[in-house]
Each structure stands twice: as structure tokens, then as C-alpha cells.
PDB file of N, CA and C in Angstrom:
ATOM      1  N   MET A   1     -81.289  45.390 -60.769  1.00  0.00           N
ATOM      2  CA  MET A   1     -82.193  44.490 -60.098  1.00  0.00           C
ATOM      3  C   MET A   1     -81.387  43.578 -59.181  1.00  0.00           C
ATOM      4  N   ALA A   2     -81.899  43.352 -57.991  1.00  0.00           N
ATOM      5  CA  ALA A   2     -81.187  42.558 -56.993  1.00  0.00           C
ATOM      6  C   ALA A   2     -81.252  41.075 -57.358  1.00  0.00           C
ATOM      7  N   LYS A   3     -80.166  40.367 -57.002  1.00  0.00           N
ATOM      8  CA  LYS A   3     -80.133  38.921 -57.220  1.00  0.00           C
ATOM      9  C   LYS A   3     -81.037  38.232 -56.202  1.00  0.00           C
ATOM     10  N   ILE A   4     -81.592  37.114 -56.614  1.00  0.00           N
ATOM     11  CA  ILE A   4     -82.430  36.322 -55.715  1.00  0.00           C
ATOM     12  C   ILE A   4     -81.544  35.279 -55.061  1.00  0.00           C
ATOM     13  N   SER A   5     -81.537  35.271 -53.731  1.00  0.00           N
ATOM     14  CA  SER A   5     -80.701  34.319 -53.002  1.00  0.00           C
ATOM     15  C   SER A   5     -81.363  32.939 -52.978  1.00  0.00           C
ATOM     16  N   GLY A   6     -80.594  31.952 -52.551  1.00  0.00           N
ATOM     17  CA  GLY A   6     -81.110  30.584 -52.446  1.00  0.00           C
ATOM     18  C   GLY A   6     -82.249  30.468 -51.455  1.00  0.00           C
ATOM     19  N   VAL A   7     -82.154  31.212 -50.352  1.00  0.00           N
ATOM     20  CA  VAL A   7     -83.223  31.186 -49.340  1.00  0.00           C
ATOM     21  C   VAL A   7     -84.501  31.772 -49.924  1.00  0.00           C
ATOM     22  N   GLN A   8     -84.350  32.831 -50.733  1.00  0.00           N
ATOM     23  CA  GLN A   8     -85.528  33.426 -51.351  1.00  0.00           C
ATOM     24  C   GLN A   8     -86.172  32.468 -52.352  1.00  0.00           C
ATOM     25  N   LYS A   9     -85.355  31.743 -53.111  1.00  0.00           N
ATOM     26  CA  LYS A   9     -85.906  30.780 -54.058  1.00  0.00           C
ATOM     27  C   LYS A   9     -86.691  29.690 -53.335  1.00  0.00           C
ATOM     28  N   ILE A  10     -86.151  29.212 -52.226  1.00  0.00           N
ATOM     29  CA  ILE A  10     -86.868  28.207 -51.418  1.00  0.00           C
ATOM     30  C   ILE A  10     -88.163  28.792 -50.881  1.00  0.00           C
ATOM     31  N   GLY A  11     -88.117  30.043 -50.424  1.00  0.00           N
ATOM     32  CA  GLY A  11     -89.307  30.716 -49.916  1.00  0.00           C
ATOM     33  C   GLY A  11     -90.385  30.859 -50.975  1.00  0.00           C
ATOM     34  N   ILE A  12     -89.977  31.192 -52.200  1.00  0.00           N
ATOM     35  CA  ILE A  12     -90.941  31.327 -53.294  1.00  0.00           C
ATOM     36  C   ILE A  12     -91.599  29.983 -53.602  1.00  0.00           C
ATOM     37  N   VAL A  13     -90.798  28.926 -53.638  1.00  0.00           N
ATOM     38  CA  VAL A  13     -91.337  27.585 -53.918  1.00  0.00           C
ATOM     39  C   VAL A  13     -92.289  27.162 -52.813  1.00  0.00           C
ATOM     40  N   VAL A  14     -91.904  27.369 -51.557  1.00  0.00           N
ATOM     41  CA  VAL A  14     -92.759  27.001 -50.417  1.00  0.00           C
ATOM     42  C   VAL A  14     -94.063  27.789 -50.458  1.00  0.00           C
ATOM     43  N   LEU A  15     -93.981  29.067 -50.732  1.00  0.00           N
ATOM     44  CA  LEU A  15     -95.159  29.921 -50.782  1.00  0.00           C
ATOM     45  C   LEU A  15     -96.124  29.456 -51.868  1.00  0.00           C
ATOM     46  N   ILE A  16     -95.618  29.225 -53.068  1.00  0.00           N
ATOM     47  CA  ILE A  16     -96.490  28.828 -54.177  1.00  0.00           C
ATOM     48  C   ILE A  16     -97.082  27.442 -53.949  1.00  0.00           C
ATOM     49  N   LEU A  17     -96.245  26.478 -53.542  1.00  0.00           N
ATOM     50  CA  LEU A  17     -96.748  25.119 -53.352  1.00  0.00           C
ATOM     51  C   LEU A  17     -97.762  25.034 -52.214  1.00  0.00           C
ATOM     52  N   SER A  18     -97.501  25.699 -51.108  1.00  0.00           N
ATOM     53  CA  SER A  18     -98.446  25.621 -49.993  1.00  0.00           C
ATOM     54  C   SER A  18     -99.765  26.307 -50.335  1.00  0.00           C
ATOM     55  N   PHE A  19     -99.709  27.384 -51.114  1.00  0.00           N
ATOM     56  CA  PHE A  19    -100.948  28.027 -51.549  1.00  0.00           C
ATOM     57  C   PHE A  19    -101.759  27.075 -52.427  1.00  0.00           C
ATOM     58  N   LEU A  20    -101.089  26.466 -53.415  1.00  0.00           N
ATOM     59  CA  LEU A  20    -101.796  25.566 -54.322  1.00  0.00           C
ATOM     60  C   LEU A  20    -102.337  24.325 -53.605  1.00  0.00           C
ATOM     61  N   ILE A  21    -101.531  23.723 -52.750  1.00  0.00           N
ATOM     62  CA  ILE A  21    -101.984  22.543 -52.013  1.00  0.00           C
ATOM     63  C   ILE A  21    -103.146  22.899 -51.085  1.00  0.00           C
ATOM     64  N   GLY A  22    -103.068  24.059 -50.440  1.00  0.00           N
ATOM     65  CA  GLY A  22    -104.151  24.494 -49.556  1.00  0.00           C
ATOM     66  C   GLY A  22    -105.451  24.713 -50.302  1.00  0.00           C
ATOM     67  N   ILE A  23    -105.382  25.401 -51.443  1.00  0.00           N
ATOM     68  CA  ILE A  23    -106.598  25.675 -52.222  1.00  0.00           C
ATOM     69  C   ILE A  23    -107.175  24.384 -52.808  1.00  0.00           C
ATOM     70  N   ILE A  24    -106.325  23.576 -53.425  1.00  0.00           N
ATOM     71  CA  ILE A  24    -106.818  22.337 -54.054  1.00  0.00           C
ATOM     72  C   ILE A  24    -107.373  21.383 -52.997  1.00  0.00           C
ATOM     73  N   GLY A  25    -106.692  21.250 -51.869  1.00  0.00           N
ATOM     74  CA  GLY A  25    -107.194  20.376 -50.800  1.00  0.00           C
ATOM     75  C   GLY A  25    -108.500  20.856 -50.221  1.00  0.00           C
ATOM     76  N   THR A  26    -108.650  22.156 -50.068  1.00  0.00           N
ATOM     77  CA  THR A  26    -109.897  22.711 -49.540  1.00  0.00           C
ATOM     78  C   THR A  26    -111.045  22.460 -50.499  1.00  0.00           C
ATOM     79  N   VAL A  27    -110.823  22.754 -51.778  1.00  0.00           N
ATOM     80  CA  VAL A  27    -111.873  22.552 -52.773  1.00  0.00           C
ATOM     81  C   VAL A  27    -112.241  21.069 -52.879  1.00  0.00           C
ATOM     82  N   TRP A  28    -111.242  20.200 -52.893  1.00  0.00           N
ATOM     83  CA  TRP A  28    -111.508  18.761 -52.979  1.00  0.00           C
ATOM     84  C   TRP A  28    -112.301  18.265 -51.767  1.00  0.00           C
ATOM     85  N   SER A  29    -111.955  18.742 -50.584  1.00  0.00           N
ATOM     86  CA  SER A  29    -112.666  18.308 -49.369  1.00  0.00           C
ATOM     87  C   SER A  29    -114.103  18.798 -49.349  1.00  0.00           C
ATOM     88  N   ILE A  30    -114.316  20.039 -49.763  1.00  0.00           N
ATOM     89  CA  ILE A  30    -115.690  20.556 -49.817  1.00  0.00           C
ATOM     90  C   ILE A  30    -116.505  19.801 -50.859  1.00  0.00           C
ATOM     91  N   TYR A  31    -115.882  19.525 -52.010  1.00  0.00           N
ATOM     92  CA  TYR A  31    -116.563  18.739 -53.053  1.00  0.00           C
ATOM     93  C   TYR A  31    -116.935  17.356 -52.514  1.00  0.00           C
ATOM     94  N   SER A  32    -116.013  16.728 -51.797  1.00  0.00           N
ATOM     95  CA  SER A  32    -116.288  15.402 -51.215  1.00  0.00           C
ATOM     96  C   SER A  32    -117.377  15.472 -50.151  1.00  0.00           C
ATOM     97  N   SER A  33    -117.433  16.573 -49.425  1.00  0.00           N
ATOM     98  CA  SER A  33    -118.466  16.695 -48.392  1.00  0.00           C
ATOM     99  C   SER A  33    -119.853  16.778 -49.025  1.00  0.00           C
ATOM    100  N   PHE A  34    -119.953  17.416 -50.194  1.00  0.00           N
ATOM    101  CA  PHE A  34    -121.251  17.440 -50.875  1.00  0.00           C
ATOM    102  C   PHE A  34    -121.628  16.038 -51.350  1.00  0.00           C
ATOM    103  N   GLY A  35    -120.648  15.261 -51.779  1.00  0.00           N
ATOM    104  CA  GLY A  35    -120.925  13.871 -52.163  1.00  0.00           C
ATOM    105  C   GLY A  35    -121.389  13.047 -50.978  1.00  0.00           C
ATOM    106  N   ALA A  36    -120.745  13.237 -49.821  1.00  0.00           N
ATOM    107  CA  ALA A  36    -121.146  12.507 -48.609  1.00  0.00           C
ATOM    108  C   ALA A  36    -122.532  12.951 -48.150  1.00  0.00           C
ATOM    109  N   LEU A  37    -122.835  14.210 -48.298  1.00  0.00           N
ATOM    110  CA  LEU A  37    -124.149  14.736 -47.909  1.00  0.00           C
ATOM    111  C   LEU A  37    -125.233  14.170 -48.820  1.00  0.00           C
ATOM    112  N   ASP A  38    -124.921  14.077 -50.101  1.00  0.00           N
ATOM    113  CA  ASP A  38    -125.879  13.531 -51.064  1.00  0.00           C
ATOM    114  C   ASP A  38    -126.122  12.052 -50.795  1.00  0.00           C
ATOM    115  N   ALA A  39    -125.063  11.309 -50.448  1.00  0.00           N
ATOM    116  CA  ALA A  39    -125.209   9.875 -50.193  1.00  0.00           C
ATOM    117  C   ALA A  39    -126.000   9.611 -48.916  1.00  0.00           C
ATOM    118  N   ALA A  40    -125.856  10.449 -47.913  1.00  0.00           N
ATOM    119  CA  ALA A  40    -126.531  10.234 -46.633  1.00  0.00           C
ATOM    120  C   ALA A  40    -127.932  10.821 -46.621  1.00  0.00           C
ATOM    121  N   GLU A  41    -128.233  11.762 -47.461  1.00  0.00           N
ATOM    122  CA  GLU A  41    -129.480  12.498 -47.582  1.00  0.00           C
ATOM    123  C   GLU A  41    -129.961  13.057 -46.244  1.00  0.00           C
ATOM    124  N   PHE A  42    -130.505  12.251 -45.381  1.00  0.00           N
ATOM    125  CA  PHE A  42    -131.054  12.761 -44.131  1.00  0.00           C
ATOM    126  C   PHE A  42    -130.215  12.325 -42.933  1.00  0.00           C
ATOM    127  N   GLY A  43    -128.908  12.134 -43.139  1.00  0.00           N
ATOM    128  CA  GLY A  43    -128.039  11.649 -42.074  1.00  0.00           C
ATOM    129  C   GLY A  43    -127.521  12.737 -41.147  1.00  0.00           C
ATOM    130  N   GLY A  44    -127.873  13.977 -41.404  1.00  0.00           N
ATOM    131  CA  GLY A  44    -127.400  15.079 -40.575  1.00  0.00           C
ATOM    132  C   GLY A  44    -125.991  15.499 -40.971  1.00  0.00           C
ATOM    133  N   ILE A  45    -125.316  16.151 -40.051  1.00  0.00           N
ATOM    134  CA  ILE A  45    -123.985  16.704 -40.317  1.00  0.00           C
ATOM    135  C   ILE A  45    -122.888  15.655 -40.177  1.00  0.00           C
ATOM    136  N   GLY A  46    -123.187  14.523 -39.564  1.00  0.00           N
ATOM    137  CA  GLY A  46    -122.195  13.489 -39.307  1.00  0.00           C
ATOM    138  C   GLY A  46    -121.360  13.060 -40.495  1.00  0.00           C
ATOM    139  N   PRO A  47    -121.997  12.714 -41.618  1.00  0.00           N
ATOM    140  CA  PRO A  47    -121.208  12.228 -42.765  1.00  0.00           C
ATOM    141  C   PRO A  47    -120.281  13.281 -43.378  1.00  0.00           C
ATOM    142  N   VAL A  48    -120.608  14.552 -43.239  1.00  0.00           N
ATOM    143  CA  VAL A  48    -119.779  15.581 -43.866  1.00  0.00           C
ATOM    144  C   VAL A  48    -118.760  16.199 -42.907  1.00  0.00           C
ATOM    145  N   SER A  49    -118.854  15.868 -41.646  1.00  0.00           N
ATOM    146  CA  SER A  49    -117.986  16.532 -40.675  1.00  0.00           C
ATOM    147  C   SER A  49    -116.512  16.224 -40.910  1.00  0.00           C
ATOM    148  N   ASP A  50    -116.186  14.992 -41.308  1.00  0.00           N
ATOM    149  CA  ASP A  50    -114.783  14.662 -41.571  1.00  0.00           C
ATOM    150  C   ASP A  50    -114.248  15.423 -42.767  1.00  0.00           C
ATOM    151  N   GLN A  51    -115.058  15.574 -43.797  1.00  0.00           N
ATOM    152  CA  GLN A  51    -114.620  16.302 -44.985  1.00  0.00           C
ATOM    153  C   GLN A  51    -114.458  17.799 -44.697  1.00  0.00           C
ATOM    154  N   ILE A  52    -115.338  18.342 -43.900  1.00  0.00           N
ATOM    155  CA  ILE A  52    -115.211  19.763 -43.532  1.00  0.00           C
ATOM    156  C   ILE A  52    -113.968  19.958 -42.657  1.00  0.00           C
ATOM    157  N   LYS A  53    -113.715  19.002 -41.767  1.00  0.00           N
ATOM    158  CA  LYS A  53    -112.492  19.059 -40.953  1.00  0.00           C
ATOM    159  C   LYS A  53    -111.259  19.038 -41.842  1.00  0.00           C
ATOM    160  N   ASN A  54    -111.255  18.177 -42.858  1.00  0.00           N
ATOM    161  CA  ASN A  54    -110.135  18.136 -43.798  1.00  0.00           C
ATOM    162  C   ASN A  54    -109.975  19.460 -44.530  1.00  0.00           C
ATOM    163  N   ALA A  55    -111.081  20.066 -44.929  1.00  0.00           N
ATOM    164  CA  ALA A  55    -111.021  21.352 -45.625  1.00  0.00           C
ATOM    165  C   ALA A  55    -110.393  22.424 -44.727  1.00  0.00           C
ATOM    166  N   LEU A  56    -110.774  22.421 -43.466  1.00  0.00           N
ATOM    167  CA  LEU A  56    -110.192  23.395 -42.537  1.00  0.00           C
ATOM    168  C   LEU A  56    -108.701  23.147 -42.332  1.00  0.00           C
ATOM    169  N   TRP A  57    -108.295  21.883 -42.250  1.00  0.00           N
ATOM    170  CA  TRP A  57    -106.873  21.564 -42.099  1.00  0.00           C
ATOM    171  C   TRP A  57    -106.074  21.997 -43.324  1.00  0.00           C
ATOM    172  N   PHE A  58    -106.622  21.747 -44.513  1.00  0.00           N
ATOM    173  CA  PHE A  58    -105.927  22.178 -45.727  1.00  0.00           C
ATOM    174  C   PHE A  58    -105.808  23.702 -45.783  1.00  0.00           C
ATOM    175  N   SER A  59    -106.881  24.402 -45.395  1.00  0.00           N
ATOM    176  CA  SER A  59    -106.837  25.865 -45.386  1.00  0.00           C
ATOM    177  C   SER A  59    -105.789  26.385 -44.405  1.00  0.00           C
ATOM    178  N   ALA A  60    -105.800  25.822 -43.200  1.00  0.00           N
ATOM    179  CA  ALA A  60    -104.829  26.260 -42.188  1.00  0.00           C
ATOM    180  C   ALA A  60    -103.410  25.916 -42.601  1.00  0.00           C
ATOM    181  N   GLY A  61    -103.208  24.722 -43.146  1.00  0.00           N
ATOM    182  CA  GLY A  61    -101.871  24.329 -43.593  1.00  0.00           C
ATOM    183  C   GLY A  61    -101.366  25.202 -44.729  1.00  0.00           C
ATOM    184  N   GLY A  62    -102.249  25.554 -45.656  1.00  0.00           N
ATOM    185  CA  GLY A  62    -101.864  26.449 -46.738  1.00  0.00           C
ATOM    186  C   GLY A  62    -101.482  27.823 -46.227  1.00  0.00           C
ATOM    187  N   PHE A  63    -102.220  28.322 -45.237  1.00  0.00           N
ATOM    188  CA  PHE A  63    -101.906  29.623 -44.658  1.00  0.00           C
ATOM    189  C   PHE A  63    -100.561  29.605 -43.948  1.00  0.00           C
ATOM    190  N   VAL A  64    -100.334  28.585 -43.144  1.00  0.00           N
ATOM    191  CA  VAL A  64     -99.063  28.471 -42.413  1.00  0.00           C
ATOM    192  C   VAL A  64     -97.893  28.335 -43.387  1.00  0.00           C
ATOM    193  N   GLY A  65     -98.078  27.547 -44.435  1.00  0.00           N
ATOM    194  CA  GLY A  65     -97.025  27.404 -45.440  1.00  0.00           C
ATOM    195  C   GLY A  65     -96.728  28.714 -46.162  1.00  0.00           C
ATOM    196  N   CYS A  66     -97.769  29.476 -46.468  1.00  0.00           N
ATOM    197  CA  CYS A  66     -97.575  30.779 -47.122  1.00  0.00           C
ATOM    198  C   CYS A  66     -96.827  31.739 -46.211  1.00  0.00           C
ATOM    199  N   VAL A  67     -97.150  31.738 -44.936  1.00  0.00           N
ATOM    200  CA  VAL A  67     -96.439  32.606 -43.989  1.00  0.00           C
ATOM    201  C   VAL A  67     -94.972  32.183 -43.890  1.00  0.00           C
ATOM    202  N   ALA A  68     -94.721  30.865 -43.833  1.00  0.00           N
ATOM    203  CA  ALA A  68     -93.334  30.390 -43.768  1.00  0.00           C
ATOM    204  C   ALA A  68     -92.565  30.785 -45.026  1.00  0.00           C
ATOM    205  N   GLY A  69     -93.194  30.656 -46.183  1.00  0.00           N
ATOM    206  CA  GLY A  69     -92.546  31.051 -47.428  1.00  0.00           C
ATOM    207  C   GLY A  69     -92.257  32.543 -47.479  1.00  0.00           C
ATOM    208  N   ALA A  70     -93.207  33.345 -47.016  1.00  0.00           N
ATOM    209  CA  ALA A  70     -93.001  34.789 -46.994  1.00  0.00           C
ATOM    210  C   ALA A  70     -91.853  35.165 -46.042  1.00  0.00           C
ATOM    211  N   LEU A  71     -91.778  34.486 -44.908  1.00  0.00           N
ATOM    212  CA  LEU A  71     -90.676  34.749 -43.979  1.00  0.00           C
ATOM    213  C   LEU A  71     -89.327  34.392 -44.583  1.00  0.00           C
ATOM    214  N   LEU A  72     -89.277  33.282 -45.319  1.00  0.00           N
ATOM    215  CA  LEU A  72     -88.028  32.912 -45.979  1.00  0.00           C
ATOM    216  C   LEU A  72     -87.628  33.942 -47.023  1.00  0.00           C
ATOM    217  N   ILE A  73     -88.603  34.487 -47.735  1.00  0.00           N
ATOM    218  CA  ILE A  73     -88.309  35.517 -48.728  1.00  0.00           C
ATOM    219  C   ILE A  73     -87.747  36.766 -48.053  1.00  0.00           C
ATOM    220  N   VAL A  74     -88.377  37.166 -46.964  1.00  0.00           N
ATOM    221  CA  VAL A  74     -87.922  38.358 -46.237  1.00  0.00           C
ATOM    222  C   VAL A  74     -86.533  38.116 -45.637  1.00  0.00           C
ATOM    223  N   LEU A  75     -86.324  36.951 -45.028  1.00  0.00           N
ATOM    224  CA  LEU A  75     -85.021  36.658 -44.438  1.00  0.00           C
ATOM    225  C   LEU A  75     -83.933  36.564 -45.497  1.00  0.00           C
ATOM    226  N   GLY A  76     -84.280  36.102 -46.678  1.00  0.00           N
ATOM    227  CA  GLY A  76     -83.307  36.027 -47.760  1.00  0.00           C
ATOM    228  C   GLY A  76     -82.887  37.400 -48.270  1.00  0.00           C
ATOM    229  N   ARG A  77     -83.754  38.388 -48.110  1.00  0.00           N
ATOM    230  CA  ARG A  77     -83.428  39.755 -48.540  1.00  0.00           C
ATOM    231  C   ARG A  77     -82.644  40.515 -47.494  1.00  0.00           C
ATOM    232  N   ALA A  78     -82.713  40.071 -46.255  1.00  0.00           N
ATOM    233  CA  ALA A  78     -82.041  40.787 -45.171  1.00  0.00           C
ATOM    234  C   ALA A  78     -80.527  40.747 -45.373  1.00  0.00           C
ATOM    235  N   LYS A  79     -79.896  41.873 -45.168  1.00  0.00           N
ATOM    236  CA  LYS A  79     -78.444  41.947 -45.286  1.00  0.00           C
ATOM    237  C   LYS A  79     -77.836  41.917 -43.892  1.00  0.00           C
ATOM    238  N   PRO A  80     -76.689  41.280 -43.750  1.00  0.00           N
ATOM    239  CA  PRO A  80     -76.058  41.273 -42.426  1.00  0.00           C
ATOM    240  C   PRO A  80     -75.641  42.691 -42.026  1.00  0.00           C
ATOM    241  N   ARG A  81     -75.761  42.964 -40.758  1.00  0.00           N
ATOM    242  CA  ARG A  81     -75.379  44.289 -40.263  1.00  0.00           C
ATOM    243  C   ARG A  81     -73.869  44.422 -40.224  1.00  0.00           C
ATOM    244  N   ASP A  82     -73.398  45.652 -40.303  1.00  0.00           N
ATOM    245  CA  ASP A  82     -71.959  45.907 -40.296  1.00  0.00           C
ATOM    246  C   ASP A  82     -71.324  45.645 -38.938  1.00  0.00           C
ATOM    247  N   ASP A  83     -72.108  45.733 -37.858  1.00  0.00           N
ATOM    248  CA  ASP A  83     -71.524  45.558 -36.537  1.00  0.00           C
ATOM    249  C   ASP A  83     -71.350  44.083 -36.160  1.00  0.00           C
ATOM    250  N   GLN A  84     -71.710  43.176 -37.016  1.00  0.00           N
ATOM    251  CA  GLN A  84     -71.516  41.758 -36.749  1.00  0.00           C
ATOM    252  C   GLN A  84     -70.155  41.341 -37.310  1.00  0.00           C
ATOM    253  N   HIS A  85     -69.218  41.160 -36.427  1.00  0.00           N
ATOM    254  CA  HIS A  85     -67.853  40.806 -36.852  1.00  0.00           C
ATOM    255  C   HIS A  85     -67.589  39.330 -36.575  1.00  0.00           C
ATOM    256  N   THR A  86     -66.811  38.739 -37.426  1.00  0.00           N
ATOM    257  CA  THR A  86     -66.396  37.374 -37.172  1.00  0.00           C
ATOM    258  C   THR A  86     -65.098  37.415 -36.353  1.00  0.00           C
ATOM    259  N   ARG A  87     -64.681  36.300 -35.878  1.00  0.00           N
ATOM    260  CA  ARG A  87     -63.491  36.244 -35.045  1.00  0.00           C
ATOM    261  C   ARG A  87     -62.256  36.676 -35.852  1.00  0.00           C
ATOM    262  N   SER A  88     -62.226  36.401 -37.145  1.00  0.00           N
ATOM    263  CA  SER A  88     -61.058  36.775 -37.945  1.00  0.00           C
ATOM    264  C   SER A  88     -60.996  38.278 -38.214  1.00  0.00           C
ATOM    265  N   ASP A  89     -62.140  38.981 -38.073  1.00  0.00           N
ATOM    266  CA  ASP A  89     -62.139  40.419 -38.301  1.00  0.00           C
ATOM    267  C   ASP A  89     -61.517  41.184 -37.137  1.00  0.00           C
ATOM    268  N   LEU A  90     -61.479  40.600 -35.976  1.00  0.00           N
ATOM    269  CA  LEU A  90     -61.003  41.314 -34.796  1.00  0.00           C
ATOM    270  C   LEU A  90     -59.525  41.280 -34.698  1.00  0.00           C
TER     271      LEU A  90
END
């Protein structure tokens, strides 16, 4: 089994945390929007628009964080090519 590099460990942490923060933030914002809708009753979409905006931001942030974490995992697995020589190798 291959060893996990430091970059991969960071990628795993970023991926898991951004997923959890994105999901929890989205659920919390939607829950809050229902509370704002209940308090306003006939106020239209105005009272819930900020909460829905927050839910969208949390969803987008979670997605971007997951992509960044996945990229770190992939980059951590990449091996340097043989044709890349350092100055001391020449």
C-alpha cells in the first residue's frame, strides 16, 4: 500500500471539512429561511432571500473546497518525472 504524503493529508482534511461546512451551512440557512418565512407570513420572498443567498454561498463554498481538496490529493500522488533534473544532476 502506498504511503500518504503530507499534501494528500492536507487534501483529505480540506475535502472533508469543506464538505461538512458546506452541508451544515446549507441546512442551517434553509432552516433559518423557514423561520423567517414563518415570522413574516405574508411578507413575500424578501425576508427569506438573505437566508437562501447564504445557503447558495455555503453550497458553492463547499463545492469549491471539495474540488481544492481533491486536487491536493491528486497532486500529492503525482510522482516527479524522470526528465526533470536538478542543477546538481547535470
